[in-house]
N, C-alpha and C. Protein backbone atom coordinates (compact mmCIF):
# COMPACT_ATOMS: atom_id res chain seq x y z
N MET A 1 -14.99 43.56 -15.49
CA MET A 1 -14.79 42.68 -14.34
C MET A 1 -15.27 41.27 -14.65
N LYS A 2 -16.46 41.14 -15.28
CA LYS A 2 -16.99 39.81 -15.60
C LYS A 2 -16.09 39.09 -16.60
N ARG A 3 -15.55 39.85 -17.56
CA ARG A 3 -14.69 39.24 -18.58
C ARG A 3 -13.41 38.69 -17.93
N GLY A 4 -12.86 39.43 -16.97
CA GLY A 4 -11.67 38.98 -16.27
C GLY A 4 -11.92 37.71 -15.48
N LEU A 5 -13.09 37.61 -14.82
CA LEU A 5 -13.44 36.39 -14.08
C LEU A 5 -13.62 35.21 -15.02
N LYS A 6 -14.24 35.48 -16.18
CA LYS A 6 -14.43 34.40 -17.16
C LYS A 6 -13.08 33.89 -17.66
N LEU A 7 -12.14 34.81 -17.92
CA LEU A 7 -10.81 34.40 -18.38
C LEU A 7 -10.08 33.62 -17.29
N LEU A 8 -10.21 34.07 -16.06
CA LEU A 8 -9.60 33.36 -14.93
C LEU A 8 -10.18 31.96 -14.78
N ALA A 9 -11.51 31.85 -14.87
CA ALA A 9 -12.16 30.55 -14.77
C ALA A 9 -11.74 29.64 -15.92
N ALA A 10 -11.64 30.18 -17.11
CA ALA A 10 -11.22 29.39 -18.27
C ALA A 10 -9.78 28.92 -18.09
N GLY A 11 -8.92 29.81 -17.60
CA GLY A 11 -7.52 29.44 -17.37
C GLY A 11 -7.38 28.35 -16.31
N LEU A 12 -8.15 28.48 -15.22
CA LEU A 12 -8.13 27.44 -14.18
C LEU A 12 -8.64 26.11 -14.72
N GLY A 13 -9.70 26.16 -15.51
CA GLY A 13 -10.24 24.93 -16.11
C GLY A 13 -9.21 24.26 -17.00
N LEU A 14 -8.51 25.06 -17.79
CA LEU A 14 -7.48 24.52 -18.68
C LEU A 14 -6.33 23.92 -17.86
N LEU A 15 -5.95 24.59 -16.79
CA LEU A 15 -4.89 24.10 -15.93
C LEU A 15 -5.27 22.77 -15.28
N ILE A 16 -6.49 22.66 -14.78
CA ILE A 16 -6.97 21.42 -14.16
C ILE A 16 -7.03 20.30 -15.18
N THR A 17 -7.51 20.61 -16.38
CA THR A 17 -7.58 19.60 -17.44
C THR A 17 -6.19 19.10 -17.80
N ALA A 18 -5.22 20.01 -17.90
CA ALA A 18 -3.85 19.62 -18.22
C ALA A 18 -3.26 18.74 -17.11
N ALA A 19 -3.52 19.10 -15.85
CA ALA A 19 -3.00 18.30 -14.74
C ALA A 19 -3.60 16.90 -14.74
N LEU A 20 -4.89 16.80 -14.99
CA LEU A 20 -5.53 15.48 -15.04
C LEU A 20 -5.02 14.66 -16.21
N ALA A 21 -4.80 15.30 -17.35
CA ALA A 21 -4.27 14.58 -18.51
C ALA A 21 -2.87 14.06 -18.22
N TRP A 22 -2.05 14.89 -17.57
CA TRP A 22 -0.71 14.43 -17.20
C TRP A 22 -0.79 13.24 -16.26
N ALA A 23 -1.63 13.34 -15.22
CA ALA A 23 -1.75 12.27 -14.23
C ALA A 23 -2.24 10.98 -14.86
N ALA A 24 -3.06 11.08 -15.89
CA ALA A 24 -3.60 9.89 -16.54
C ALA A 24 -2.63 9.27 -17.54
N LEU A 25 -1.77 10.09 -18.17
CA LEU A 25 -0.96 9.58 -19.28
C LEU A 25 0.53 9.49 -19.00
N ALA A 26 1.03 10.21 -18.02
CA ALA A 26 2.46 10.17 -17.73
C ALA A 26 2.84 8.82 -17.12
N PRO A 27 4.04 8.34 -17.40
CA PRO A 27 4.48 7.08 -16.79
C PRO A 27 4.49 7.20 -15.27
N ILE A 28 4.12 6.12 -14.61
CA ILE A 28 4.11 6.09 -13.15
C ILE A 28 5.48 5.62 -12.68
N GLU A 29 6.11 6.43 -11.82
CA GLU A 29 7.39 6.07 -11.24
C GLU A 29 7.26 6.13 -9.73
N VAL A 30 7.91 5.20 -9.05
CA VAL A 30 7.88 5.17 -7.58
C VAL A 30 9.30 5.14 -7.05
N ASP A 31 9.49 5.67 -5.83
CA ASP A 31 10.81 5.68 -5.21
C ASP A 31 11.25 4.28 -4.80
N SER A 32 10.29 3.50 -4.31
CA SER A 32 10.59 2.15 -3.84
C SER A 32 9.42 1.25 -4.17
N ARG A 33 9.72 0.01 -4.47
CA ARG A 33 8.65 -0.94 -4.76
C ARG A 33 8.19 -1.65 -3.49
N ASP A 34 8.81 -1.33 -2.36
CA ASP A 34 8.45 -1.95 -1.09
C ASP A 34 7.20 -1.32 -0.49
N GLU A 35 6.35 -2.15 0.06
CA GLU A 35 5.20 -1.71 0.86
C GLU A 35 5.49 -2.21 2.27
N LEU A 36 5.85 -1.28 3.16
CA LEU A 36 6.34 -1.62 4.49
C LEU A 36 5.21 -1.75 5.50
N PHE A 37 5.28 -2.83 6.29
CA PHE A 37 4.39 -3.05 7.44
C PHE A 37 5.26 -3.48 8.60
N GLU A 38 5.04 -2.88 9.77
CA GLU A 38 5.83 -3.20 10.95
C GLU A 38 4.97 -3.86 12.01
N ILE A 39 5.57 -4.85 12.67
CA ILE A 39 4.95 -5.49 13.83
C ILE A 39 5.56 -4.79 15.04
N PRO A 40 4.77 -3.95 15.74
CA PRO A 40 5.35 -3.12 16.80
C PRO A 40 5.81 -3.92 18.02
N ALA A 41 6.75 -3.34 18.73
CA ALA A 41 7.21 -3.92 19.99
C ALA A 41 6.03 -4.02 20.95
N GLY A 42 5.98 -5.11 21.69
CA GLY A 42 4.92 -5.30 22.67
C GLY A 42 3.66 -5.95 22.13
N THR A 43 3.63 -6.29 20.86
CA THR A 43 2.43 -6.90 20.26
C THR A 43 2.07 -8.21 20.94
N TYR A 44 3.05 -9.09 21.10
CA TYR A 44 2.78 -10.40 21.71
C TYR A 44 2.31 -10.23 23.15
N ALA A 45 2.97 -9.38 23.92
CA ALA A 45 2.60 -9.16 25.32
C ALA A 45 1.17 -8.62 25.43
N ARG A 46 0.82 -7.69 24.56
CA ARG A 46 -0.54 -7.14 24.58
C ARG A 46 -1.56 -8.21 24.24
N ARG A 47 -1.23 -9.05 23.27
CA ARG A 47 -2.15 -10.12 22.88
C ARG A 47 -2.32 -11.13 24.01
N MET A 48 -1.23 -11.47 24.70
CA MET A 48 -1.29 -12.41 25.82
C MET A 48 -2.07 -11.82 27.01
N ALA A 49 -2.11 -10.50 27.10
CA ALA A 49 -2.87 -9.83 28.16
C ALA A 49 -4.35 -9.72 27.81
N GLY A 50 -4.73 -10.24 26.63
CA GLY A 50 -6.13 -10.23 26.24
C GLY A 50 -6.55 -9.09 25.34
N ASP A 51 -5.61 -8.23 24.98
CA ASP A 51 -5.91 -7.11 24.07
C ASP A 51 -6.03 -7.64 22.65
N ARG A 52 -7.09 -7.26 21.98
CA ARG A 52 -7.26 -7.66 20.57
C ARG A 52 -6.47 -6.67 19.70
N VAL A 53 -5.24 -7.01 19.45
CA VAL A 53 -4.32 -6.14 18.73
C VAL A 53 -4.48 -6.33 17.23
N GLU A 54 -4.82 -5.28 16.53
CA GLU A 54 -4.92 -5.30 15.06
C GLU A 54 -3.78 -4.44 14.53
N ILE A 55 -2.67 -5.06 14.19
CA ILE A 55 -1.50 -4.30 13.78
C ILE A 55 -1.30 -4.28 12.27
N LEU A 56 -1.79 -5.30 11.60
CA LEU A 56 -1.70 -5.37 10.14
C LEU A 56 -3.10 -5.50 9.58
N PRO A 57 -3.35 -4.95 8.41
CA PRO A 57 -4.67 -5.13 7.81
C PRO A 57 -4.89 -6.60 7.44
N ASP A 58 -6.15 -7.03 7.39
CA ASP A 58 -6.46 -8.40 6.97
C ASP A 58 -6.09 -8.63 5.52
N THR A 59 -6.18 -7.56 4.73
CA THR A 59 -5.85 -7.65 3.31
C THR A 59 -4.91 -6.51 2.95
N ILE A 60 -3.82 -6.85 2.29
CA ILE A 60 -2.87 -5.87 1.79
C ILE A 60 -2.96 -5.87 0.27
N ARG A 61 -3.06 -4.67 -0.32
CA ARG A 61 -3.12 -4.55 -1.77
C ARG A 61 -1.79 -4.01 -2.28
N LEU A 62 -1.24 -4.71 -3.26
CA LEU A 62 -0.01 -4.30 -3.93
C LEU A 62 -0.30 -4.11 -5.41
N THR A 63 0.61 -3.47 -6.12
CA THR A 63 0.44 -3.24 -7.55
C THR A 63 1.67 -3.73 -8.29
N LEU A 64 1.47 -4.64 -9.20
CA LEU A 64 2.56 -5.25 -9.96
C LEU A 64 3.38 -4.19 -10.68
N GLY A 65 4.69 -4.27 -10.54
CA GLY A 65 5.59 -3.36 -11.22
C GLY A 65 5.75 -2.01 -10.55
N LEU A 66 4.96 -1.73 -9.50
CA LEU A 66 5.04 -0.44 -8.82
C LEU A 66 5.29 -0.62 -7.34
N ARG A 67 4.35 -1.14 -6.64
CA ARG A 67 4.48 -1.49 -5.22
C ARG A 67 4.16 -2.97 -5.13
N ASP A 68 5.16 -3.80 -5.49
CA ASP A 68 4.90 -5.24 -5.60
C ASP A 68 5.78 -6.07 -4.67
N THR A 69 6.37 -5.43 -3.66
CA THR A 69 7.19 -6.15 -2.71
C THR A 69 6.68 -5.87 -1.30
N LEU A 70 6.28 -6.92 -0.61
CA LEU A 70 5.82 -6.79 0.77
C LEU A 70 7.05 -6.85 1.67
N LEU A 71 7.18 -5.85 2.54
CA LEU A 71 8.29 -5.80 3.48
C LEU A 71 7.73 -5.79 4.90
N LEU A 72 7.99 -6.87 5.63
CA LEU A 72 7.53 -6.99 7.01
C LEU A 72 8.73 -6.84 7.94
N LYS A 73 8.60 -5.97 8.95
CA LYS A 73 9.64 -5.78 9.96
C LYS A 73 9.08 -6.20 11.31
N ASN A 74 9.78 -7.09 11.98
CA ASN A 74 9.36 -7.56 13.29
C ASN A 74 10.09 -6.76 14.37
N LEU A 75 9.42 -5.79 14.95
CA LEU A 75 9.98 -4.99 16.02
C LEU A 75 9.62 -5.55 17.40
N ASP A 76 8.86 -6.66 17.41
CA ASP A 76 8.44 -7.27 18.66
C ASP A 76 9.59 -8.11 19.25
N ALA A 77 9.40 -8.58 20.48
CA ALA A 77 10.43 -9.35 21.18
C ALA A 77 10.33 -10.85 20.91
N VAL A 78 9.31 -11.27 20.17
CA VAL A 78 9.13 -12.70 19.88
C VAL A 78 9.08 -12.91 18.37
N PRO A 79 9.44 -14.12 17.90
CA PRO A 79 9.36 -14.41 16.47
C PRO A 79 7.90 -14.34 15.98
N GLN A 80 7.73 -14.02 14.71
CA GLN A 80 6.41 -14.00 14.08
C GLN A 80 6.47 -14.88 12.83
N GLN A 81 5.42 -15.65 12.63
CA GLN A 81 5.32 -16.54 11.48
C GLN A 81 4.54 -15.84 10.38
N PHE A 82 5.08 -15.85 9.16
CA PHE A 82 4.36 -15.35 7.99
C PHE A 82 4.54 -16.38 6.89
N GLY A 83 3.45 -17.09 6.58
CA GLY A 83 3.56 -18.19 5.62
C GLY A 83 4.56 -19.19 6.15
N PRO A 84 5.49 -19.65 5.33
CA PRO A 84 6.48 -20.63 5.80
C PRO A 84 7.70 -20.00 6.47
N VAL A 85 7.69 -18.67 6.65
CA VAL A 85 8.87 -17.97 7.14
C VAL A 85 8.70 -17.55 8.60
N LEU A 86 9.73 -17.77 9.39
CA LEU A 86 9.75 -17.31 10.77
C LEU A 86 10.61 -16.04 10.80
N ILE A 87 9.99 -14.92 11.18
CA ILE A 87 10.69 -13.63 11.23
C ILE A 87 11.10 -13.40 12.67
N MET A 88 12.39 -13.43 12.92
CA MET A 88 12.92 -13.29 14.27
C MET A 88 12.83 -11.83 14.71
N PRO A 89 12.88 -11.57 16.04
CA PRO A 89 12.85 -10.20 16.53
C PRO A 89 13.97 -9.36 15.89
N GLY A 90 13.60 -8.19 15.42
CA GLY A 90 14.56 -7.29 14.78
C GLY A 90 14.83 -7.59 13.33
N GLN A 91 14.30 -8.68 12.80
CA GLN A 91 14.54 -9.02 11.40
C GLN A 91 13.43 -8.48 10.50
N SER A 92 13.77 -8.42 9.22
CA SER A 92 12.82 -8.03 8.19
C SER A 92 12.69 -9.18 7.19
N PHE A 93 11.56 -9.23 6.54
CA PHE A 93 11.32 -10.23 5.50
C PHE A 93 10.74 -9.51 4.30
N ARG A 94 11.37 -9.69 3.15
CA ARG A 94 10.93 -9.04 1.91
C ARG A 94 10.42 -10.12 0.96
N LEU A 95 9.18 -9.95 0.49
CA LEU A 95 8.56 -10.91 -0.41
C LEU A 95 8.10 -10.20 -1.68
N PRO A 96 8.85 -10.36 -2.79
CA PRO A 96 8.43 -9.74 -4.06
C PRO A 96 7.40 -10.62 -4.76
N PHE A 97 6.48 -9.99 -5.47
CA PHE A 97 5.45 -10.69 -6.24
C PHE A 97 5.67 -10.40 -7.72
N GLU A 98 5.52 -11.42 -8.54
CA GLU A 98 5.73 -11.28 -9.98
C GLU A 98 4.48 -11.58 -10.79
N VAL A 99 3.40 -12.01 -10.13
CA VAL A 99 2.15 -12.36 -10.82
C VAL A 99 1.00 -11.69 -10.09
N ALA A 100 0.15 -11.02 -10.86
CA ALA A 100 -1.05 -10.41 -10.27
C ALA A 100 -2.01 -11.54 -9.88
N SER A 101 -2.37 -11.58 -8.60
CA SER A 101 -3.24 -12.64 -8.10
C SER A 101 -3.60 -12.32 -6.65
N THR A 102 -4.36 -13.22 -6.03
CA THR A 102 -4.68 -13.12 -4.60
C THR A 102 -3.96 -14.26 -3.89
N TYR A 103 -3.22 -13.89 -2.84
CA TYR A 103 -2.43 -14.85 -2.08
C TYR A 103 -2.92 -14.88 -0.64
N SER A 104 -2.95 -16.06 -0.04
CA SER A 104 -3.34 -16.21 1.37
C SER A 104 -2.16 -16.78 2.15
N PHE A 105 -1.94 -16.21 3.33
CA PHE A 105 -0.82 -16.63 4.17
C PHE A 105 -1.28 -16.83 5.60
N ALA A 106 -0.69 -17.81 6.27
CA ALA A 106 -0.83 -17.90 7.73
C ALA A 106 0.03 -16.79 8.31
N CYS A 107 -0.47 -16.13 9.35
CA CYS A 107 0.26 -15.00 9.90
C CYS A 107 -0.03 -14.87 11.39
N THR A 108 1.00 -15.07 12.23
CA THR A 108 0.79 -15.00 13.67
C THR A 108 0.61 -13.56 14.16
N ALA A 109 0.88 -12.58 13.33
CA ALA A 109 0.68 -11.19 13.73
C ALA A 109 -0.80 -10.79 13.67
N HIS A 110 -1.63 -11.67 13.12
CA HIS A 110 -3.07 -11.42 13.05
C HIS A 110 -3.81 -12.24 14.10
N ALA A 111 -4.82 -11.65 14.68
CA ALA A 111 -5.64 -12.38 15.65
C ALA A 111 -6.31 -13.57 14.97
N SER A 112 -6.68 -13.42 13.70
CA SER A 112 -7.32 -14.51 12.95
C SER A 112 -6.32 -15.56 12.48
N GLY A 113 -5.04 -15.20 12.47
CA GLY A 113 -4.01 -16.13 12.00
C GLY A 113 -3.86 -16.17 10.50
N GLN A 114 -4.59 -15.32 9.77
CA GLN A 114 -4.56 -15.32 8.31
C GLN A 114 -4.39 -13.90 7.77
N MET A 115 -3.78 -13.78 6.60
CA MET A 115 -3.68 -12.50 5.90
C MET A 115 -3.72 -12.76 4.41
N SER A 116 -4.38 -11.88 3.68
CA SER A 116 -4.43 -11.98 2.22
C SER A 116 -3.62 -10.84 1.61
N VAL A 117 -2.95 -11.15 0.52
CA VAL A 117 -2.23 -10.15 -0.26
C VAL A 117 -2.82 -10.19 -1.66
N ILE A 118 -3.39 -9.08 -2.08
CA ILE A 118 -3.95 -8.97 -3.43
C ILE A 118 -2.96 -8.15 -4.24
N VAL A 119 -2.46 -8.74 -5.31
CA VAL A 119 -1.53 -8.05 -6.19
C VAL A 119 -2.30 -7.72 -7.47
N ASP A 120 -2.55 -6.42 -7.65
CA ASP A 120 -3.27 -5.94 -8.83
C ASP A 120 -2.31 -5.76 -10.00
N PRO A 121 -2.81 -5.88 -11.23
CA PRO A 121 -1.93 -5.63 -12.39
C PRO A 121 -1.54 -4.15 -12.45
N ARG A 122 -0.46 -3.87 -13.12
CA ARG A 122 -0.01 -2.48 -13.30
C ARG A 122 -1.10 -1.70 -14.03
N PRO A 123 -1.44 -0.50 -13.55
CA PRO A 123 -2.51 0.25 -14.20
C PRO A 123 -2.11 0.73 -15.60
N ALA A 124 -3.04 0.59 -16.51
CA ALA A 124 -2.84 1.05 -17.88
C ALA A 124 -2.94 2.57 -17.92
N PRO A 125 -2.35 3.22 -18.93
CA PRO A 125 -2.50 4.67 -19.05
C PRO A 125 -3.98 5.05 -19.17
N GLY A 126 -4.31 6.24 -18.74
CA GLY A 126 -5.69 6.72 -18.79
C GLY A 126 -6.33 6.67 -17.42
N TRP A 127 -7.61 6.32 -17.39
CA TRP A 127 -8.35 6.30 -16.12
C TRP A 127 -7.74 5.37 -15.08
N PRO A 128 -7.26 4.16 -15.46
CA PRO A 128 -6.66 3.30 -14.44
C PRO A 128 -5.43 3.95 -13.77
N ALA A 129 -4.57 4.61 -14.54
CA ALA A 129 -3.40 5.27 -13.97
C ALA A 129 -3.82 6.45 -13.09
N LEU A 130 -4.79 7.21 -13.53
CA LEU A 130 -5.29 8.34 -12.74
C LEU A 130 -5.89 7.84 -11.43
N SER A 131 -6.68 6.78 -11.49
CA SER A 131 -7.28 6.19 -10.29
C SER A 131 -6.21 5.69 -9.34
N TRP A 132 -5.16 5.03 -9.85
CA TRP A 132 -4.08 4.53 -9.00
C TRP A 132 -3.39 5.69 -8.30
N ARG A 133 -3.09 6.75 -9.04
CA ARG A 133 -2.43 7.92 -8.43
C ARG A 133 -3.30 8.53 -7.33
N LEU A 134 -4.60 8.63 -7.57
CA LEU A 134 -5.50 9.20 -6.56
C LEU A 134 -5.55 8.31 -5.31
N GLN A 135 -5.54 6.99 -5.49
CA GLN A 135 -5.52 6.07 -4.35
C GLN A 135 -4.24 6.24 -3.55
N GLN A 136 -3.12 6.44 -4.22
CA GLN A 136 -1.85 6.63 -3.50
C GLN A 136 -1.86 7.93 -2.72
N LEU A 137 -2.45 8.98 -3.29
CA LEU A 137 -2.58 10.24 -2.56
C LEU A 137 -3.43 10.06 -1.31
N LYS A 138 -4.51 9.30 -1.47
CA LYS A 138 -5.41 9.05 -0.33
C LYS A 138 -4.69 8.28 0.76
N LYS A 139 -3.88 7.27 0.39
CA LYS A 139 -3.15 6.46 1.37
C LYS A 139 -2.13 7.31 2.12
N THR A 140 -1.45 8.21 1.43
CA THR A 140 -0.41 9.01 2.09
C THR A 140 -0.99 10.12 2.94
N SER A 141 -2.26 10.50 2.71
CA SER A 141 -2.85 11.58 3.49
C SER A 141 -3.55 11.06 4.74
N LEU A 142 -3.64 9.73 4.89
CA LEU A 142 -4.31 9.17 6.08
C LEU A 142 -3.44 9.20 7.29
């Protein structure tokens, strides 16, 4: 019985090691490079009523070559300003990034009027790729 448990434990350990090695070394592929954020209907009305509406994060993180396009959809009844662009009701705005850096934008969808976009470099194989995959799992499970 003990020998069978030891073999099972060894097999599970080998399986976990193989899965981690794959996650660290396999090429990262994504279905879409867009990172979608929506401005919900009623945002402006709620803000005018005194509600402190937090609909978008203060900082958005993107990854060059993987999730490097910010896609904003305005579902509200009023236009929203993002940087130099006015996004009309029902419209979308797609902003691709080609350089890893930190960007600051004026944004009327934020109570503060500002939003930062941090574009990280594409993760290298090994620990950086494994860490990126784990972060994506965490984001999708929230």
